[in-house]
Amino acid sequence: MTKNLVTEDGIELTPELIAKMADEAENGFPNSILERAEGRPWEHDPKSQKS
């Protein structure tokens, strides 16, 4: 039995997408701009932050 993986916002994580994301990570995210974040950003709700 195969399990469908779906993100919280409804994106299906296919084997092809997972392989693409792994390849990008292994290559250092070549088309991304990465910035340091204070603390643990995944513990904060961005919708509740003031602009």
N, C-alpha and C. Protein backbone atom coordinates (compact mmCIF):
# COMPACT_ATOMS: atom_id res chain seq x y z
N MET A 1 0.84 -1.18 0.00
CA MET A 1 0.00 0.00 0.00
C MET A 1 0.89 1.25 0.00
N THR A 2 0.59 2.20 -0.87
CA THR A 2 1.34 3.45 -0.97
C THR A 2 0.59 4.55 -0.25
N LYS A 3 1.33 5.32 0.51
CA LYS A 3 0.73 6.43 1.26
C LYS A 3 0.97 7.73 0.50
N ASN A 4 -0.06 8.53 0.31
CA ASN A 4 0.10 9.84 -0.30
C ASN A 4 0.50 10.84 0.77
N LEU A 5 1.60 11.53 0.54
CA LEU A 5 2.04 12.57 1.46
C LEU A 5 1.56 13.91 0.92
N VAL A 6 0.91 14.69 1.80
CA VAL A 6 0.38 15.99 1.40
C VAL A 6 0.78 17.00 2.46
N THR A 7 1.26 18.17 2.01
CA THR A 7 1.64 19.22 2.95
C THR A 7 0.41 19.85 3.56
N GLU A 8 0.64 20.66 4.58
CA GLU A 8 -0.46 21.33 5.27
C GLU A 8 -1.27 22.22 4.33
N ASP A 9 -0.60 22.78 3.31
CA ASP A 9 -1.30 23.65 2.37
C ASP A 9 -1.77 22.92 1.11
N GLY A 10 -1.76 21.58 1.14
CA GLY A 10 -2.37 20.80 0.08
C GLY A 10 -1.47 20.35 -1.06
N ILE A 11 -0.17 20.57 -0.97
CA ILE A 11 0.74 20.16 -2.04
C ILE A 11 1.08 18.69 -1.87
N GLU A 12 0.87 17.90 -2.92
CA GLU A 12 1.18 16.47 -2.86
C GLU A 12 2.68 16.27 -3.04
N LEU A 13 3.28 15.53 -2.12
CA LEU A 13 4.71 15.26 -2.18
C LEU A 13 4.92 13.94 -2.93
N THR A 14 5.12 14.07 -4.23
CA THR A 14 5.35 12.91 -5.08
C THR A 14 6.81 12.48 -4.96
N PRO A 15 7.14 11.25 -5.33
CA PRO A 15 8.53 10.83 -5.32
C PRO A 15 9.42 11.75 -6.16
N GLU A 16 8.89 12.25 -7.27
CA GLU A 16 9.66 13.15 -8.13
C GLU A 16 9.96 14.47 -7.44
N LEU A 17 8.96 15.03 -6.74
CA LEU A 17 9.16 16.29 -6.03
C LEU A 17 10.15 16.11 -4.88
N ILE A 18 10.03 15.01 -4.17
CA ILE A 18 10.95 14.74 -3.07
C ILE A 18 12.38 14.60 -3.60
N ALA A 19 12.56 13.91 -4.72
CA ALA A 19 13.89 13.77 -5.32
C ALA A 19 14.44 15.12 -5.75
N LYS A 20 13.58 15.99 -6.32
CA LYS A 20 14.01 17.33 -6.73
C LYS A 20 14.44 18.15 -5.53
N MET A 21 13.67 18.10 -4.44
CA MET A 21 14.03 18.85 -3.24
C MET A 21 15.33 18.33 -2.63
N ALA A 22 15.51 17.02 -2.63
CA ALA A 22 16.75 16.44 -2.10
C ALA A 22 17.94 16.86 -2.95
N ASP A 23 17.77 16.88 -4.27
CA ASP A 23 18.85 17.30 -5.17
C ASP A 23 19.22 18.76 -4.92
N GLU A 24 18.22 19.62 -4.75
CA GLU A 24 18.49 21.03 -4.46
C GLU A 24 19.24 21.18 -3.14
N ALA A 25 18.85 20.42 -2.12
CA ALA A 25 19.52 20.49 -0.82
C ALA A 25 20.96 20.02 -0.94
N GLU A 26 21.18 18.94 -1.64
CA GLU A 26 22.54 18.41 -1.81
C GLU A 26 23.43 19.37 -2.57
N ASN A 27 22.85 20.19 -3.43
CA ASN A 27 23.62 21.16 -4.21
C ASN A 27 23.69 22.53 -3.54
N GLY A 28 23.24 22.63 -2.29
CA GLY A 28 23.34 23.89 -1.55
C GLY A 28 22.29 24.92 -1.93
N PHE A 29 21.14 24.50 -2.40
CA PHE A 29 20.04 25.41 -2.78
C PHE A 29 20.55 26.50 -3.72
N PRO A 30 21.02 26.13 -4.92
CA PRO A 30 21.68 27.08 -5.82
C PRO A 30 20.83 28.28 -6.26
N ASN A 31 19.53 28.16 -6.30
CA ASN A 31 18.68 29.27 -6.77
C ASN A 31 17.91 29.92 -5.63
N SER A 32 18.47 29.83 -4.41
CA SER A 32 17.78 30.37 -3.23
C SER A 32 18.66 31.39 -2.52
N ILE A 33 17.99 32.29 -1.83
CA ILE A 33 18.67 33.25 -0.96
C ILE A 33 18.33 32.84 0.47
N LEU A 34 19.34 32.41 1.21
CA LEU A 34 19.12 31.95 2.57
C LEU A 34 19.58 33.02 3.55
N GLU A 35 18.78 33.25 4.58
CA GLU A 35 19.11 34.25 5.60
C GLU A 35 19.01 33.61 6.98
N ARG A 36 19.86 34.06 7.88
CA ARG A 36 19.80 33.58 9.27
C ARG A 36 18.54 34.12 9.94
N ALA A 37 18.00 33.34 10.85
CA ALA A 37 16.82 33.74 11.60
C ALA A 37 17.11 33.58 13.09
N GLU A 38 16.63 34.49 13.88
CA GLU A 38 16.80 34.43 15.32
C GLU A 38 15.87 33.36 15.91
N GLY A 39 16.34 32.68 16.92
CA GLY A 39 15.51 31.71 17.62
C GLY A 39 15.12 30.54 16.75
N ARG A 40 13.91 30.09 16.93
CA ARG A 40 13.37 28.96 16.17
C ARG A 40 12.17 29.44 15.37
N PRO A 41 12.37 29.85 14.14
CA PRO A 41 11.28 30.46 13.37
C PRO A 41 10.07 29.55 13.18
N TRP A 42 10.28 28.24 13.21
CA TRP A 42 9.15 27.33 13.02
C TRP A 42 8.22 27.30 14.24
N GLU A 43 8.66 27.89 15.35
CA GLU A 43 7.82 27.95 16.54
C GLU A 43 6.95 29.21 16.59
N HIS A 44 7.11 30.09 15.61
CA HIS A 44 6.36 31.35 15.59
C HIS A 44 5.38 31.35 14.43
N ASP A 45 4.21 31.90 14.68
CA ASP A 45 3.18 32.00 13.64
C ASP A 45 3.37 33.31 12.90
N PRO A 46 3.80 33.26 11.61
CA PRO A 46 4.05 34.51 10.88
C PRO A 46 2.80 35.37 10.74
N LYS A 47 1.63 34.79 10.79
CA LYS A 47 0.39 35.56 10.66
C LYS A 47 0.16 36.46 11.87
N SER A 48 0.76 36.09 13.01
CA SER A 48 0.56 36.89 14.22
C SER A 48 1.61 37.97 14.42
N GLN A 49 2.64 38.00 13.56
CA GLN A 49 3.70 38.99 13.69
C GLN A 49 3.25 40.31 13.09
N LYS A 50 3.61 41.41 13.76
CA LYS A 50 3.26 42.74 13.27
C LYS A 50 4.27 43.19 12.22
N SER A 51 3.79 43.89 11.21
CA SER A 51 4.68 44.39 10.15
C SER A 51 5.30 45.70 10.55
